[in-house]
Amino acid sequence: MPIAGQGMLLTSMDIDSLHEAEFNRWYDREHLEERVAIDGFEEARRYVAQDGRPKYLSLYSTTTFDVLESPAYRTALANQTDWSKANIARFQNMIRGVARITISRGVGRGAALGIIRLRPPADGADKLRAALREQLDPSARDGIISMHLLENDPVLSKPLTPDAEKADPGAGDWFVLIDATDVSAVPAAAAAITGNAALKPLVVTSGVYRLLWDIAKSDLPRG
């Protein structure tokens, strides 16, 4: 599989320009490395929007979905650093998805990412998954490296911000990820889903993001 593991934590947010430099410094110097160090976390990737909102997006891969409700992860959430607490309090328009990777086709990860948020019908998950399995084939699409489906757990997918307990109709949404070599390759691949007559009514949002950097467990300092 092009994505390491079977679980995925997706976070996305905006940040006020007044605090943006500090936010990026925290992500780059503490947060990604800290999260990848948790038992069961395999890698993390950071993106910035080329065309879409929220502006920033991060993906964290885990060996299994259960890692995302494990004691190790819960302990990390309950013991945020002061730097983390200060930055998390400034998040705007936060999206947090705790998801299972149910489809992953292709080889490798790209420098650009297309993301499509879908809201599956209450009684049509199996049918939608089957339809997407046919669509998520990168082999005939120039510039597309791999394609994936993330299915959120509606109970665990809550933001870390103070409004976490507010009812969220999108907590059980799905995300299609399109890994591409360049942002220019994404729109045509995304249009096969966003423009599909059967799928179009389920599309909530879509966007194109550029990779900022990534880190794997093997990159962490030893000892």
N, C-alpha and C. Protein backbone atom coordinates (compact mmCIF):
# COMPACT_ATOMS: atom_id res chain seq x y z
N MET A 1 0.83 -1.20 0.00
CA MET A 1 0.00 0.00 0.00
C MET A 1 0.87 1.26 0.00
N PRO A 2 0.48 2.29 -0.73
CA PRO A 2 1.27 3.52 -0.77
C PRO A 2 1.23 4.30 0.53
N ILE A 3 0.22 4.10 1.36
CA ILE A 3 0.17 4.73 2.67
C ILE A 3 0.57 3.69 3.70
N ALA A 4 1.52 4.05 4.56
CA ALA A 4 1.95 3.14 5.62
C ALA A 4 0.81 2.96 6.62
N GLY A 5 0.43 1.70 6.87
CA GLY A 5 -0.56 1.43 7.90
C GLY A 5 -1.99 1.45 7.43
N GLN A 6 -2.90 1.35 8.39
CA GLN A 6 -4.32 1.20 8.12
C GLN A 6 -5.17 2.31 8.72
N GLY A 7 -4.56 3.16 9.54
CA GLY A 7 -5.30 4.25 10.16
C GLY A 7 -4.74 5.60 9.72
N MET A 8 -5.57 6.62 9.81
CA MET A 8 -5.14 7.96 9.40
C MET A 8 -5.81 9.01 10.28
N LEU A 9 -5.00 9.91 10.82
CA LEU A 9 -5.49 11.11 11.47
C LEU A 9 -5.32 12.27 10.51
N LEU A 10 -6.40 12.96 10.20
CA LEU A 10 -6.38 14.11 9.30
C LEU A 10 -6.75 15.34 10.11
N THR A 11 -5.92 16.36 10.05
CA THR A 11 -6.25 17.63 10.70
C THR A 11 -6.07 18.76 9.70
N SER A 12 -6.96 19.73 9.77
CA SER A 12 -6.89 20.87 8.86
C SER A 12 -7.43 22.09 9.59
N MET A 13 -6.80 23.22 9.37
CA MET A 13 -7.21 24.42 10.08
C MET A 13 -6.70 25.69 9.40
N ASP A 14 -7.33 26.80 9.75
CA ASP A 14 -6.83 28.12 9.41
C ASP A 14 -6.18 28.71 10.65
N ILE A 15 -5.35 29.72 10.44
CA ILE A 15 -4.70 30.41 11.55
C ILE A 15 -4.62 31.89 11.20
N ASP A 16 -4.85 32.73 12.17
CA ASP A 16 -4.75 34.17 11.94
C ASP A 16 -3.32 34.53 11.54
N SER A 17 -3.19 35.44 10.58
CA SER A 17 -1.86 35.81 10.08
C SER A 17 -0.96 36.35 11.17
N LEU A 18 -1.54 36.90 12.22
CA LEU A 18 -0.77 37.43 13.34
C LEU A 18 0.05 36.34 14.03
N HIS A 19 -0.49 35.11 14.01
CA HIS A 19 0.16 34.00 14.72
C HIS A 19 0.72 32.94 13.76
N GLU A 20 0.69 33.22 12.47
CA GLU A 20 1.01 32.19 11.49
C GLU A 20 2.47 31.74 11.55
N ALA A 21 3.39 32.66 11.73
CA ALA A 21 4.81 32.30 11.80
C ALA A 21 5.06 31.37 12.99
N GLU A 22 4.46 31.70 14.12
CA GLU A 22 4.64 30.87 15.32
C GLU A 22 3.99 29.50 15.14
N PHE A 23 2.83 29.48 14.51
CA PHE A 23 2.12 28.24 14.21
C PHE A 23 2.99 27.32 13.35
N ASN A 24 3.58 27.84 12.30
CA ASN A 24 4.43 27.03 11.42
C ASN A 24 5.70 26.57 12.12
N ARG A 25 6.26 27.44 12.96
CA ARG A 25 7.45 27.07 13.71
C ARG A 25 7.14 25.89 14.66
N TRP A 26 6.00 25.95 15.30
CA TRP A 26 5.59 24.88 16.22
C TRP A 26 5.39 23.57 15.47
N TYR A 27 4.69 23.62 14.36
CA TYR A 27 4.47 22.41 13.57
C TYR A 27 5.80 21.81 13.10
N ASP A 28 6.69 22.67 12.62
CA ASP A 28 7.92 22.19 12.00
C ASP A 28 8.97 21.77 13.02
N ARG A 29 8.97 22.36 14.21
CA ARG A 29 10.02 22.09 15.19
C ARG A 29 9.59 21.20 16.35
N GLU A 30 8.29 21.00 16.51
CA GLU A 30 7.85 20.16 17.62
C GLU A 30 6.76 19.16 17.23
N HIS A 31 5.67 19.65 16.67
CA HIS A 31 4.45 18.87 16.66
C HIS A 31 4.52 17.60 15.81
N LEU A 32 4.99 17.71 14.57
CA LEU A 32 5.02 16.51 13.73
C LEU A 32 5.94 15.45 14.30
N GLU A 33 7.12 15.85 14.74
CA GLU A 33 8.06 14.89 15.31
C GLU A 33 7.49 14.25 16.57
N GLU A 34 6.83 15.05 17.39
CA GLU A 34 6.24 14.55 18.62
C GLU A 34 5.16 13.50 18.34
N ARG A 35 4.34 13.75 17.34
CA ARG A 35 3.27 12.80 17.03
C ARG A 35 3.82 11.51 16.42
N VAL A 36 4.77 11.62 15.52
CA VAL A 36 5.32 10.42 14.88
C VAL A 36 6.06 9.54 15.90
N ALA A 37 6.51 10.13 16.98
CA ALA A 37 7.20 9.37 18.03
C ALA A 37 6.25 8.49 18.83
N ILE A 38 4.95 8.72 18.76
CA ILE A 38 3.98 7.91 19.51
C ILE A 38 3.97 6.49 18.97
N ASP A 39 3.89 5.51 19.85
CA ASP A 39 3.83 4.11 19.43
C ASP A 39 2.68 3.90 18.45
N GLY A 40 2.99 3.30 17.31
CA GLY A 40 1.97 3.00 16.31
C GLY A 40 1.83 4.03 15.22
N PHE A 41 2.38 5.24 15.42
CA PHE A 41 2.40 6.24 14.36
C PHE A 41 3.57 5.95 13.44
N GLU A 42 3.35 6.03 12.12
CA GLU A 42 4.36 5.66 11.14
C GLU A 42 4.98 6.85 10.43
N GLU A 43 4.15 7.82 10.04
CA GLU A 43 4.65 8.98 9.29
C GLU A 43 3.65 10.12 9.39
N ALA A 44 4.12 11.32 9.03
CA ALA A 44 3.25 12.50 9.00
C ALA A 44 3.64 13.37 7.82
N ARG A 45 2.64 14.06 7.26
CA ARG A 45 2.86 14.95 6.12
C ARG A 45 2.14 16.26 6.37
N ARG A 46 2.78 17.38 6.00
CA ARG A 46 2.18 18.70 6.12
C ARG A 46 1.97 19.32 4.76
N TYR A 47 0.83 19.99 4.58
CA TYR A 47 0.47 20.61 3.31
C TYR A 47 -0.03 22.04 3.54
N VAL A 48 0.07 22.84 2.48
CA VAL A 48 -0.54 24.16 2.46
C VAL A 48 -1.41 24.24 1.22
N ALA A 49 -2.52 24.95 1.32
CA ALA A 49 -3.50 24.98 0.23
C ALA A 49 -2.98 25.74 -0.98
N GLN A 50 -3.14 25.13 -2.12
CA GLN A 50 -2.97 25.81 -3.41
C GLN A 50 -4.30 26.40 -3.84
N ASP A 51 -5.36 25.64 -3.56
CA ASP A 51 -6.72 26.06 -3.90
C ASP A 51 -7.67 25.30 -2.97
N GLY A 52 -8.05 25.91 -1.88
CA GLY A 52 -8.94 25.23 -0.94
C GLY A 52 -8.85 25.83 0.44
N ARG A 53 -9.71 25.39 1.31
CA ARG A 53 -9.77 25.80 2.69
C ARG A 53 -10.17 24.59 3.54
N PRO A 54 -9.67 24.54 4.77
CA PRO A 54 -8.75 25.43 5.45
C PRO A 54 -7.37 25.48 4.79
N LYS A 55 -6.54 26.43 5.23
CA LYS A 55 -5.26 26.67 4.56
C LYS A 55 -4.26 25.55 4.79
N TYR A 56 -4.23 24.99 6.01
CA TYR A 56 -3.22 23.99 6.36
C TYR A 56 -3.85 22.62 6.57
N LEU A 57 -3.11 21.58 6.18
CA LEU A 57 -3.59 20.21 6.25
C LEU A 57 -2.44 19.31 6.69
N SER A 58 -2.71 18.39 7.60
CA SER A 58 -1.71 17.40 8.01
C SER A 58 -2.33 16.01 8.00
N LEU A 59 -1.52 15.02 7.62
CA LEU A 59 -1.94 13.62 7.59
C LEU A 59 -0.96 12.80 8.43
N TYR A 60 -1.50 11.97 9.32
CA TYR A 60 -0.68 11.13 10.18
C TYR A 60 -1.11 9.67 9.98
N SER A 61 -0.19 8.83 9.52
CA SER A 61 -0.50 7.43 9.27
C SER A 61 -0.17 6.58 10.50
N THR A 62 -1.02 5.60 10.78
CA THR A 62 -0.79 4.70 11.92
C THR A 62 -0.86 3.25 11.45
N THR A 63 -0.17 2.38 12.16
CA THR A 63 -0.10 0.98 11.75
C THR A 63 -1.47 0.34 11.67
N THR A 64 -2.33 0.64 12.64
CA THR A 64 -3.71 0.16 12.64
C THR A 64 -4.62 1.31 13.06
N PHE A 65 -5.90 1.14 12.81
CA PHE A 65 -6.85 2.16 13.24
C PHE A 65 -6.88 2.25 14.76
N ASP A 66 -6.70 1.13 15.45
CA ASP A 66 -6.80 1.10 16.91
C ASP A 66 -5.77 2.00 17.58
N VAL A 67 -4.66 2.28 16.91
CA VAL A 67 -3.66 3.18 17.48
C VAL A 67 -4.27 4.53 17.81
N LEU A 68 -5.28 4.95 17.04
CA LEU A 68 -5.88 6.28 17.20
C LEU A 68 -6.84 6.37 18.39
N GLU A 69 -7.02 5.26 19.09
CA GLU A 69 -7.72 5.30 20.37
C GLU A 69 -6.94 4.51 21.42
N SER A 70 -5.63 4.42 21.24
CA SER A 70 -4.76 3.65 22.14
C SER A 70 -4.40 4.47 23.37
N PRO A 71 -3.97 3.80 24.45
CA PRO A 71 -3.51 4.52 25.64
C PRO A 71 -2.36 5.48 25.32
N ALA A 72 -1.45 5.09 24.44
CA ALA A 72 -0.31 5.95 24.12
C ALA A 72 -0.78 7.25 23.48
N TYR A 73 -1.74 7.17 22.55
CA TYR A 73 -2.22 8.38 21.91
C TYR A 73 -3.06 9.21 22.86
N ARG A 74 -3.90 8.56 23.65
CA ARG A 74 -4.72 9.29 24.62
C ARG A 74 -3.84 10.03 25.64
N THR A 75 -2.74 9.39 26.03
CA THR A 75 -1.82 10.03 26.97
C THR A 75 -1.20 11.27 26.34
N ALA A 76 -0.83 11.18 25.05
CA ALA A 76 -0.27 12.34 24.35
C ALA A 76 -1.27 13.49 24.28
N LEU A 77 -2.53 13.16 24.00
CA LEU A 77 -3.56 14.20 23.91
C LEU A 77 -3.79 14.86 25.26
N ALA A 78 -3.67 14.08 26.32
CA ALA A 78 -3.94 14.60 27.67
C ALA A 78 -2.75 15.36 28.25
N ASN A 79 -1.60 15.30 27.57
CA ASN A 79 -0.39 15.93 28.10
C ASN A 79 0.28 16.79 27.04
N GLN A 80 -0.51 17.68 26.45
CA GLN A 80 0.02 18.58 25.43
C GLN A 80 1.05 19.54 26.06
N THR A 81 2.08 19.88 25.31
CA THR A 81 3.03 20.87 25.79
C THR A 81 2.38 22.24 25.84
N ASP A 82 3.00 23.15 26.57
CA ASP A 82 2.46 24.51 26.64
C ASP A 82 2.46 25.15 25.26
N TRP A 83 3.46 24.86 24.45
CA TRP A 83 3.54 25.39 23.09
C TRP A 83 2.36 24.87 22.27
N SER A 84 2.05 23.58 22.44
CA SER A 84 0.91 22.99 21.73
C SER A 84 -0.40 23.63 22.17
N LYS A 85 -0.59 23.78 23.46
CA LYS A 85 -1.83 24.36 23.97
C LYS A 85 -2.05 25.77 23.42
N ALA A 86 -0.98 26.55 23.37
CA ALA A 86 -1.10 27.92 22.88
C ALA A 86 -1.51 27.96 21.42
N ASN A 87 -0.93 27.08 20.61
CA ASN A 87 -1.25 27.07 19.18
C ASN A 87 -2.60 26.45 18.90
N ILE A 88 -2.95 25.37 19.57
CA ILE A 88 -4.25 24.74 19.37
C ILE A 88 -5.38 25.70 19.70
N ALA A 89 -5.19 26.52 20.72
CA ALA A 89 -6.22 27.49 21.11
C ALA A 89 -6.48 28.52 20.02
N ARG A 90 -5.55 28.66 19.08
CA ARG A 90 -5.70 29.65 18.01
C ARG A 90 -6.25 29.05 16.72
N PHE A 91 -6.48 27.74 16.67
CA PHE A 91 -7.00 27.11 15.46
C PHE A 91 -8.35 27.73 15.09
N GLN A 92 -8.56 27.90 13.78
CA GLN A 92 -9.84 28.35 13.27
C GLN A 92 -10.33 27.34 12.22
N ASN A 93 -11.65 27.14 12.19
CA ASN A 93 -12.27 26.26 11.18
C ASN A 93 -11.64 24.87 11.17
N MET A 94 -11.40 24.32 12.34
CA MET A 94 -10.66 23.06 12.42
C MET A 94 -11.49 21.87 11.94
N ILE A 95 -10.84 20.99 11.20
CA ILE A 95 -11.38 19.68 10.81
C ILE A 95 -10.45 18.64 11.41
N ARG A 96 -11.01 17.65 12.05
CA ARG A 96 -10.20 16.56 12.61
C ARG A 96 -10.90 15.25 12.30
N GLY A 97 -10.27 14.44 11.47
CA GLY A 97 -10.83 13.15 11.08
C GLY A 97 -9.98 12.01 11.60
N VAL A 98 -10.59 11.09 12.31
CA VAL A 98 -9.95 9.86 12.77
C VAL A 98 -10.53 8.75 11.90
N ALA A 99 -9.71 8.22 11.00
CA ALA A 99 -10.26 7.45 9.89
C ALA A 99 -9.58 6.10 9.67
N ARG A 100 -10.34 5.22 9.06
CA ARG A 100 -9.81 3.97 8.53
C ARG A 100 -9.47 4.17 7.06
N ILE A 101 -8.35 3.64 6.63
CA ILE A 101 -7.98 3.65 5.21
C ILE A 101 -8.59 2.41 4.59
N THR A 102 -9.65 2.57 3.82
CA THR A 102 -10.37 1.40 3.30
C THR A 102 -10.03 1.09 1.84
N ILE A 103 -9.49 2.08 1.12
CA ILE A 103 -9.01 1.85 -0.25
C ILE A 103 -7.68 2.59 -0.39
N SER A 104 -6.69 1.95 -0.97
CA SER A 104 -5.41 2.60 -1.22
C SER A 104 -4.78 1.93 -2.43
N ARG A 105 -4.74 2.65 -3.56
CA ARG A 105 -4.27 2.08 -4.82
C ARG A 105 -3.16 2.93 -5.41
N GLY A 106 -2.15 2.27 -5.95
CA GLY A 106 -1.04 2.96 -6.55
C GLY A 106 0.25 2.69 -5.78
N VAL A 107 1.29 3.44 -6.12
CA VAL A 107 2.60 3.26 -5.49
C VAL A 107 3.20 4.62 -5.20
N GLY A 108 3.51 4.89 -3.95
CA GLY A 108 4.20 6.12 -3.60
C GLY A 108 3.30 7.27 -3.22
N ARG A 109 3.96 8.38 -2.86
CA ARG A 109 3.29 9.59 -2.41
C ARG A 109 3.78 10.76 -3.25
N GLY A 110 2.90 11.68 -3.57
CA GLY A 110 3.23 12.77 -4.49
C GLY A 110 3.53 14.08 -3.80
N ALA A 111 4.00 15.05 -4.58
CA ALA A 111 4.30 16.38 -4.08
C ALA A 111 3.05 17.25 -3.98
N ALA A 112 1.96 16.80 -4.55
CA ALA A 112 0.69 17.53 -4.49
C ALA A 112 -0.41 16.57 -4.04
N LEU A 113 -1.46 17.14 -3.47
CA LEU A 113 -2.56 16.31 -2.96
C LEU A 113 -3.89 16.95 -3.30
N GLY A 114 -4.76 16.15 -3.91
CA GLY A 114 -6.15 16.55 -4.06
C GLY A 114 -6.95 15.92 -2.93
N ILE A 115 -7.89 16.65 -2.39
CA ILE A 115 -8.73 16.10 -1.31
C ILE A 115 -10.19 16.43 -1.60
N ILE A 116 -11.03 15.43 -1.49
CA ILE A 116 -12.47 15.58 -1.72
C ILE A 116 -13.20 15.05 -0.50
N ARG A 117 -14.04 15.88 0.09
CA ARG A 117 -14.82 15.47 1.26
C ARG A 117 -16.21 15.06 0.80
N LEU A 118 -16.60 13.85 1.19
CA LEU A 118 -17.89 13.29 0.80
C LEU A 118 -18.73 12.99 2.04
N ARG A 119 -20.03 13.13 1.91
CA ARG A 119 -20.94 12.78 3.00
C ARG A 119 -21.79 11.59 2.56
N PRO A 120 -21.42 10.37 2.99
CA PRO A 120 -22.13 9.18 2.51
C PRO A 120 -23.56 9.13 3.03
N PRO A 121 -24.48 8.61 2.22
CA PRO A 121 -25.86 8.44 2.70
C PRO A 121 -25.90 7.41 3.82
N ALA A 122 -26.85 7.56 4.71
CA ALA A 122 -26.91 6.71 5.90
C ALA A 122 -26.96 5.22 5.57
N ASP A 123 -27.62 4.87 4.48
CA ASP A 123 -27.80 3.45 4.16
C ASP A 123 -27.08 3.04 2.88
N GLY A 124 -26.12 3.86 2.44
CA GLY A 124 -25.49 3.56 1.15
C GLY A 124 -23.98 3.45 1.19
N ALA A 125 -23.40 3.15 2.36
CA ALA A 125 -21.95 3.12 2.48
C ALA A 125 -21.31 2.06 1.60
N ASP A 126 -21.87 0.86 1.60
CA ASP A 126 -21.28 -0.22 0.82
C ASP A 126 -21.31 0.08 -0.67
N LYS A 127 -22.43 0.61 -1.13
CA LYS A 127 -22.58 0.95 -2.55
C LYS A 127 -21.61 2.05 -2.95
N LEU A 128 -21.47 3.06 -2.08
CA LEU A 128 -20.56 4.17 -2.38
C LEU A 128 -19.12 3.69 -2.39
N ARG A 129 -18.76 2.86 -1.44
CA ARG A 129 -17.39 2.34 -1.39
C ARG A 129 -17.06 1.55 -2.65
N ALA A 130 -18.00 0.75 -3.11
CA ALA A 130 -17.79 -0.03 -4.33
C ALA A 130 -17.62 0.88 -5.54
N ALA A 131 -18.41 1.94 -5.61
CA ALA A 131 -18.31 2.88 -6.72
C ALA A 131 -16.97 3.61 -6.70
N LEU A 132 -16.52 3.98 -5.52
CA LEU A 132 -15.25 4.69 -5.41
C LEU A 132 -14.07 3.77 -5.72
N ARG A 133 -14.20 2.50 -5.39
CA ARG A 133 -13.11 1.57 -5.69
C ARG A 133 -12.83 1.54 -7.19
N GLU A 134 -13.87 1.65 -7.99
CA GLU A 134 -13.68 1.70 -9.45
C GLU A 134 -13.04 3.02 -9.88
N GLN A 135 -13.39 4.11 -9.19
CA GLN A 135 -12.89 5.43 -9.56
C GLN A 135 -11.43 5.65 -9.13
N LEU A 136 -11.05 5.07 -8.00
CA LEU A 136 -9.74 5.38 -7.42
C LEU A 136 -8.66 4.47 -8.02
N ASP A 137 -8.43 4.64 -9.30
CA ASP A 137 -7.43 3.88 -10.03
C ASP A 137 -6.47 4.86 -10.71
N PRO A 138 -5.24 5.00 -10.19
CA PRO A 138 -4.32 5.99 -10.75
C PRO A 138 -3.63 5.54 -12.03
N SER A 139 -3.76 4.29 -12.40
CA SER A 139 -2.93 3.73 -13.46
C SER A 139 -3.12 4.40 -14.82
N ALA A 140 -4.31 4.92 -15.09
CA ALA A 140 -4.57 5.51 -16.40
C ALA A 140 -4.55 7.04 -16.37
N ARG A 141 -4.06 7.62 -15.26
CA ARG A 141 -4.11 9.08 -15.10
C ARG A 141 -2.69 9.64 -15.01
N ASP A 142 -2.27 10.37 -16.00
CA ASP A 142 -0.93 10.97 -15.99
C ASP A 142 -0.76 11.87 -14.78
N GLY A 143 0.37 11.72 -14.11
CA GLY A 143 0.69 12.58 -12.98
C GLY A 143 0.06 12.15 -11.66
N ILE A 144 -0.78 11.12 -11.68
CA ILE A 144 -1.40 10.64 -10.44
C ILE A 144 -0.65 9.40 -9.97
N ILE A 145 -0.16 9.45 -8.74
CA ILE A 145 0.69 8.39 -8.18
C ILE A 145 -0.13 7.35 -7.43
N SER A 146 -1.04 7.83 -6.60
CA SER A 146 -1.86 6.91 -5.80
C SER A 146 -3.14 7.62 -5.39
N MET A 147 -4.15 6.82 -5.02
CA MET A 147 -5.46 7.35 -4.64
C MET A 147 -5.99 6.54 -3.47
N HIS A 148 -6.71 7.21 -2.56
CA HIS A 148 -7.07 6.58 -1.29
C HIS A 148 -8.45 7.02 -0.82
N LEU A 149 -9.04 6.19 0.01
CA LEU A 149 -10.30 6.53 0.67
C LEU A 149 -10.13 6.42 2.18
N LEU A 150 -10.48 7.51 2.88
CA LEU A 150 -10.49 7.53 4.34
C LEU A 150 -11.93 7.60 4.80
N GLU A 151 -12.29 6.74 5.75
CA GLU A 151 -13.65 6.74 6.30
C GLU A 151 -13.59 7.13 7.78
N ASN A 152 -14.10 8.30 8.10
CA ASN A 152 -14.04 8.81 9.47
C ASN A 152 -14.86 7.96 10.44
N ASP A 153 -14.34 7.83 11.64
CA ASP A 153 -15.12 7.31 12.76
C ASP A 153 -15.87 8.49 13.36
N PRO A 154 -17.22 8.48 13.34
CA PRO A 154 -17.98 9.66 13.77
C PRO A 154 -17.86 9.97 15.26
N VAL A 155 -17.50 8.98 16.06
CA VAL A 155 -17.37 9.20 17.50
C VAL A 155 -16.02 9.83 17.83
N LEU A 156 -14.97 9.34 17.20
CA LEU A 156 -13.62 9.82 17.51
C LEU A 156 -13.24 11.09 16.77
N SER A 157 -13.95 11.42 15.70
CA SER A 157 -13.57 12.57 14.86
C SER A 157 -14.13 13.87 15.43
N LYS A 158 -13.44 14.40 16.42
CA LYS A 158 -13.84 15.65 17.04
C LYS A 158 -12.64 16.59 17.09
N PRO A 159 -12.85 17.89 16.90
CA PRO A 159 -11.73 18.83 16.99
C PRO A 159 -11.19 18.91 18.41
N LEU A 160 -9.98 19.41 18.56
CA LEU A 160 -9.38 19.58 19.88
C LEU A 160 -9.70 20.94 20.47
N THR A 161 -10.39 21.77 19.71
CA THR A 161 -10.72 23.12 20.13
C THR A 161 -11.89 23.11 21.12
N PRO A 162 -12.18 24.23 21.80
CA PRO A 162 -13.21 24.24 22.85
C PRO A 162 -14.60 23.81 22.41
N ASP A 163 -14.92 23.90 21.12
CA ASP A 163 -16.25 23.52 20.64
C ASP A 163 -16.32 22.04 20.25
N ALA A 164 -15.43 21.21 20.79
CA ALA A 164 -15.34 19.81 20.39
C ALA A 164 -16.63 19.04 20.62
N GLU A 165 -17.38 19.40 21.63
CA GLU A 165 -18.59 18.64 21.96
C GLU A 165 -19.81 19.10 21.18
N LYS A 166 -19.66 20.14 20.39
CA LYS A 166 -20.79 20.62 19.59
C LYS A 166 -21.13 19.60 18.51
N ALA A 167 -22.40 19.38 18.28
CA ALA A 167 -22.82 18.40 17.27
C ALA A 167 -22.23 18.74 15.91
N ASP A 168 -21.69 17.73 15.24
CA ASP A 168 -21.05 17.93 13.94
C ASP A 168 -21.63 16.94 12.94
N PRO A 169 -22.47 17.40 12.02
CA PRO A 169 -23.07 16.48 11.05
C PRO A 169 -22.04 15.86 10.11
N GLY A 170 -20.84 16.44 10.05
CA GLY A 170 -19.81 15.91 9.16
C GLY A 170 -18.80 15.01 9.83
N ALA A 171 -19.04 14.62 11.07
CA ALA A 171 -18.06 13.81 11.80
C ALA A 171 -17.84 12.44 11.15
N GLY A 172 -18.84 11.97 10.44
CA GLY A 172 -18.73 10.66 9.78
C GLY A 172 -18.42 10.77 8.29
N ASP A 173 -17.94 11.91 7.84
CA ASP A 173 -17.65 12.10 6.42
C ASP A 173 -16.46 11.24 5.97
N TRP A 174 -16.34 11.09 4.66
CA TRP A 174 -15.22 10.38 4.06
C TRP A 174 -14.36 11.38 3.29
N PHE A 175 -13.09 11.01 3.10
CA PHE A 175 -12.18 11.84 2.33
C PHE A 175 -11.49 11.00 1.27
N VAL A 176 -11.53 11.49 0.04
CA VAL A 176 -10.74 10.91 -1.04
C VAL A 176 -9.45 11.71 -1.14
N LEU A 177 -8.31 11.01 -1.16
CA LEU A 177 -7.01 11.63 -1.32
C LEU A 177 -6.43 11.25 -2.67
N ILE A 178 -5.90 12.23 -3.37
CA ILE A 178 -5.30 12.01 -4.70
C ILE A 178 -3.86 12.50 -4.64
N ASP A 179 -2.91 11.58 -4.60
CA ASP A 179 -1.50 11.93 -4.58
C ASP A 179 -1.02 12.14 -6.01
N ALA A 180 -0.43 13.31 -6.27
CA ALA A 180 -0.03 13.67 -7.62
C ALA A 180 1.39 14.23 -7.65
N THR A 181 2.00 14.22 -8.84
CA THR A 181 3.35 14.77 -8.99
C THR A 181 3.35 16.29 -9.02
N ASP A 182 2.22 16.89 -9.38
CA ASP A 182 2.13 18.34 -9.48
C ASP A 182 0.68 18.75 -9.31
N VAL A 183 0.46 19.97 -8.82
CA VAL A 183 -0.91 20.44 -8.60
C VAL A 183 -1.72 20.45 -9.89
N SER A 184 -1.05 20.61 -11.03
CA SER A 184 -1.76 20.68 -12.30
C SER A 184 -2.40 19.36 -12.69
N ALA A 185 -1.94 18.25 -12.09
CA ALA A 185 -2.48 16.93 -12.41
C ALA A 185 -3.75 16.61 -11.64
N VAL A 186 -4.02 17.38 -10.58
CA VAL A 186 -5.13 17.03 -9.68
C VAL A 186 -6.51 17.31 -10.26
N PRO A 187 -6.79 18.49 -10.87
CA PRO A 187 -8.17 18.81 -11.24
C PRO A 187 -8.86 17.77 -12.11
N ALA A 188 -8.17 17.23 -13.11
CA ALA A 188 -8.82 16.26 -13.99
C ALA A 188 -9.18 14.99 -13.24
N ALA A 189 -8.28 14.54 -12.34
CA ALA A 189 -8.57 13.33 -11.56
C ALA A 189 -9.71 13.58 -10.58
N ALA A 190 -9.73 14.76 -9.97
CA ALA A 190 -10.79 15.09 -9.02
C ALA A 190 -12.14 15.22 -9.72
N ALA A 191 -12.14 15.73 -10.95
CA ALA A 191 -13.38 15.95 -11.68
C ALA A 191 -14.13 14.65 -11.95
N ALA A 192 -13.40 13.54 -12.03
CA ALA A 192 -14.06 12.26 -12.25
C ALA A 192 -15.00 11.91 -11.10
N ILE A 193 -14.72 12.50 -9.93
CA ILE A 193 -15.58 12.27 -8.77
C ILE A 193 -16.53 13.45 -8.56
N THR A 194 -15.99 14.65 -8.53
CA THR A 194 -16.83 15.82 -8.24
C THR A 194 -17.83 16.11 -9.35
N GLY A 195 -17.50 15.66 -10.57
CA GLY A 195 -18.41 15.88 -11.69
C GLY A 195 -19.28 14.69 -12.03
N ASN A 196 -19.08 13.58 -11.32
CA ASN A 196 -19.87 12.37 -11.55
C ASN A 196 -21.31 12.60 -11.06
N ALA A 197 -22.28 12.36 -11.91
CA ALA A 197 -23.68 12.66 -11.57
C ALA A 197 -24.14 11.91 -10.32
N ALA A 198 -23.64 10.70 -10.12
CA ALA A 198 -24.05 9.90 -8.97
C ALA A 198 -23.36 10.35 -7.68
N LEU A 199 -22.15 10.87 -7.81
CA LEU A 199 -21.36 11.24 -6.64
C LEU A 199 -21.45 12.72 -6.29
N LYS A 200 -21.74 13.54 -7.27
CA LYS A 200 -21.73 15.00 -7.09
C LYS A 200 -22.59 15.47 -5.91
N PRO A 201 -23.79 14.91 -5.71
CA PRO A 201 -24.60 15.37 -4.57
C PRO A 201 -23.98 15.09 -3.20
N LEU A 202 -23.00 14.18 -3.16
CA LEU A 202 -22.37 13.79 -1.89
C LEU A 202 -21.14 14.63 -1.58
N VAL A 203 -20.66 15.41 -2.54
CA VAL A 203 -19.43 16.18 -2.36
C VAL A 203 -19.71 17.39 -1.47
N VAL A 204 -18.92 17.51 -0.40
CA VAL A 204 -19.04 18.64 0.52
C VAL A 204 -18.07 19.74 0.13
N THR A 205 -16.80 19.40 -0.02
CA THR A 205 -15.77 20.35 -0.42
C THR A 205 -14.69 19.60 -1.20
N SER A 206 -13.85 20.35 -1.88
CA SER A 206 -12.67 19.77 -2.51
C SER A 206 -11.57 20.82 -2.54
N GLY A 207 -10.32 20.37 -2.65
CA GLY A 207 -9.22 21.31 -2.66
C GLY A 207 -7.95 20.68 -3.20
N VAL A 208 -6.96 21.52 -3.44
CA VAL A 208 -5.65 21.08 -3.93
C VAL A 208 -4.60 21.65 -2.99
N TYR A 209 -3.68 20.80 -2.55
CA TYR A 209 -2.67 21.19 -1.57
C TYR A 209 -1.27 20.84 -2.06
N ARG A 210 -0.28 21.64 -1.63
CA ARG A 210 1.13 21.38 -1.91
C ARG A 210 1.81 20.82 -0.68
N LEU A 211 2.66 19.82 -0.87
CA LEU A 211 3.40 19.24 0.23
C LEU A 211 4.44 20.24 0.75
N LEU A 212 4.45 20.43 2.07
CA LEU A 212 5.49 21.23 2.71
C LEU A 212 6.68 20.35 3.11
N TRP A 213 6.38 19.27 3.86
CA TRP A 213 7.42 18.30 4.20
C TRP A 213 6.77 17.09 4.86
N ASP A 214 7.57 16.04 4.99
CA ASP A 214 7.07 14.84 5.66
C ASP A 214 8.15 14.27 6.56
N ILE A 215 7.72 13.42 7.48
CA ILE A 215 8.63 12.77 8.41
C ILE A 215 8.13 11.37 8.70
N ALA A 216 9.04 10.41 8.71
CA ALA A 216 8.71 9.02 9.01
C ALA A 216 9.36 8.62 10.33
N LYS A 217 8.88 7.52 10.89
CA LYS A 217 9.44 7.04 12.16
C LYS A 217 10.95 6.86 12.05
N SER A 218 11.41 6.39 10.91
CA SER A 218 12.84 6.14 10.71
C SER A 218 13.67 7.42 10.68
N ASP A 219 13.02 8.58 10.53
CA ASP A 219 13.73 9.86 10.51
C ASP A 219 14.03 10.40 11.90
N LEU A 220 13.37 9.84 12.92
CA LEU A 220 13.52 10.38 14.27
C LEU A 220 14.92 10.11 14.81
N PRO A 221 15.42 11.01 15.65
CA PRO A 221 16.74 10.79 16.26
C PRO A 221 16.77 9.48 17.04
N ARG A 222 17.84 8.76 16.95
CA ARG A 222 17.98 7.50 17.65
C ARG A 222 18.46 7.71 19.08
N GLY A 223 18.00 6.80 19.95
CA GLY A 223 18.47 6.82 21.31
C GLY A 223 17.68 7.73 22.22
